[in-house]
């Protein structure tokens, strides 16, 4: 089985996060995306410290699909430089990990 990844990405608000999540799941780039509203982010950008409300996306995908997910997320994302960080899943319920792998396989019509 391909390596499963947990990808973290912030969005400016829950509505944007939901739109990103829906597109990535519909396109089979992510099996599941959790949208966590109410996040406060503090960061340095262009020489200044900022504090903003954001929503967090937790995306489940595979290593094979990661590059396509990253490219699509970058194209859709409203931020100039979105946070996109992938962490390999070292353990998990085998049936769930198999489900993630199955849900991120390209649809048969995509490979024609």
Protein backbone atom coordinates (compact mmCIF):
# COMPACT_ATOMS: atom_id res chain seq x y z
CA UNK A 1 0.00 0.00 0.00
CA UNK A 2 1.14 3.53 -0.80
CA UNK A 3 2.24 5.77 2.09
CA UNK A 4 -0.65 7.73 3.56
CA UNK A 5 -0.06 11.42 4.24
CA UNK A 6 -1.79 13.92 6.51
CA UNK A 7 -1.58 17.34 4.88
CA UNK A 8 -2.07 20.54 6.85
CA UNK A 9 -3.28 23.70 5.14
CA UNK A 10 -4.77 26.91 6.51
CA UNK A 11 -7.44 28.97 4.78
CA UNK A 12 -8.72 32.49 5.47
CA UNK A 13 -12.20 31.33 6.57
CA UNK A 14 -14.40 28.23 6.90
CA UNK A 15 -16.27 28.87 3.63
CA UNK A 16 -13.04 28.98 1.61
CA UNK A 17 -11.79 25.90 3.46
CA UNK A 18 -15.00 24.00 2.62
CA UNK A 19 -14.75 24.97 -1.06
CA UNK A 20 -11.14 23.80 -1.22
CA UNK A 21 -12.02 20.58 0.61
CA UNK A 22 -14.99 19.76 -1.62
CA UNK A 23 -12.98 20.29 -4.82
CA UNK A 24 -10.06 18.15 -3.65
CA UNK A 25 -12.33 15.30 -2.53
CA UNK A 26 -14.41 15.48 -5.73
CA UNK A 27 -11.21 15.34 -7.78
CA UNK A 28 -10.00 12.32 -5.73
CA UNK A 29 -6.86 14.17 -4.62
CA UNK A 30 -7.92 13.75 -0.98
CA UNK A 31 -10.02 10.97 0.51
CA UNK A 32 -11.25 13.11 3.37
CA UNK A 33 -10.74 16.65 4.59
CA UNK A 34 -11.56 17.87 8.07
CA UNK A 35 -12.28 21.59 8.30
CA UNK A 36 -11.45 23.01 11.72
CA UNK A 37 -12.80 26.57 12.18
CA UNK A 38 -11.76 29.02 14.86
CA UNK A 39 -8.00 28.84 14.38
CA UNK A 40 -5.84 31.84 15.35
CA UNK A 41 -2.56 32.10 13.47
CA UNK A 42 0.38 34.30 14.38
CA UNK A 43 3.13 34.56 11.79
CA UNK A 44 5.73 36.85 10.30
CA UNK A 45 5.01 37.95 6.73
CA UNK A 46 6.86 40.60 4.74
CA UNK A 47 8.68 41.87 7.83
CA UNK A 48 5.61 42.24 10.06
CA UNK A 49 3.97 40.02 12.66
CA UNK A 50 0.33 39.25 11.84
CA UNK A 51 -2.47 37.60 13.77
CA UNK A 52 -5.46 36.33 11.79
CA UNK A 53 -8.49 34.12 12.14
CA UNK A 54 -8.21 31.08 9.89
CA UNK A 55 -9.62 27.61 9.33
CA UNK A 56 -7.45 24.51 9.26
CA UNK A 57 -7.78 21.78 6.67
CA UNK A 58 -6.57 18.29 7.55
CA UNK A 59 -6.35 16.41 4.26
CA UNK A 60 -5.79 12.66 3.94
CA UNK A 61 -4.10 11.50 0.75
CA UNK A 62 -1.34 9.23 -0.52
CA UNK A 63 2.27 9.96 -1.39
CA UNK A 64 1.52 9.12 -5.03
CA UNK A 65 -1.26 11.75 -5.20
CA UNK A 66 0.56 14.38 -3.11
CA UNK A 67 2.21 16.31 -5.96
CA UNK A 68 -1.10 16.65 -7.83
CA UNK A 69 -2.87 17.67 -4.60
CA UNK A 70 -0.20 20.28 -3.86
CA UNK A 71 -0.38 21.74 -7.36
CA UNK A 72 -4.19 21.88 -7.37
CA UNK A 73 -4.36 23.33 -3.86
CA UNK A 74 -1.81 25.99 -4.77
CA UNK A 75 -3.81 26.90 -7.91
CA UNK A 76 -7.11 27.19 -5.99
CA UNK A 77 -5.82 28.83 -2.80
CA UNK A 78 -6.33 32.58 -2.30
CA UNK A 79 -3.06 33.06 -0.37
CA UNK A 80 0.10 34.09 -2.17
CA UNK A 81 2.02 31.47 -0.19
CA UNK A 82 -0.33 28.89 1.37
CA UNK A 83 0.76 26.61 4.17
CA UNK A 84 0.92 23.12 2.68
CA UNK A 85 2.75 20.67 4.94
CA UNK A 86 2.59 16.88 4.55
CA UNK A 87 3.36 14.42 7.33
CA UNK A 88 3.58 10.66 6.73
CA UNK A 89 1.16 8.56 8.76
CA UNK A 90 3.27 5.99 10.60
CA UNK A 91 0.35 3.93 11.93
CA UNK A 92 -3.41 3.79 11.76
CA UNK A 93 -6.41 1.52 11.48
CA UNK A 94 -5.50 -0.64 8.47
CA UNK A 95 -9.01 -0.58 7.01
CA UNK A 96 -9.08 3.23 7.18
CA UNK A 97 -5.67 3.58 5.56
CA UNK A 98 -6.77 1.20 2.79
CA UNK A 99 -9.90 3.31 2.32
CA UNK A 100 -7.80 6.49 1.95
CA UNK A 101 -5.68 4.77 -0.68
CA UNK A 102 -8.75 3.51 -2.57
CA UNK A 103 -10.53 6.87 -2.50
CA UNK A 104 -7.55 8.72 -3.96
CA UNK A 105 -7.06 6.41 -6.94
CA UNK A 106 -7.87 8.24 -10.16
CA UNK A 107 -11.36 7.42 -11.42
CA UNK A 108 -11.36 4.98 -14.36
CA UNK A 109 -12.54 7.73 -16.73
CA UNK A 110 -9.57 9.91 -15.60
CA UNK A 111 -7.05 7.40 -16.91
CA UNK A 112 -8.65 6.97 -20.35
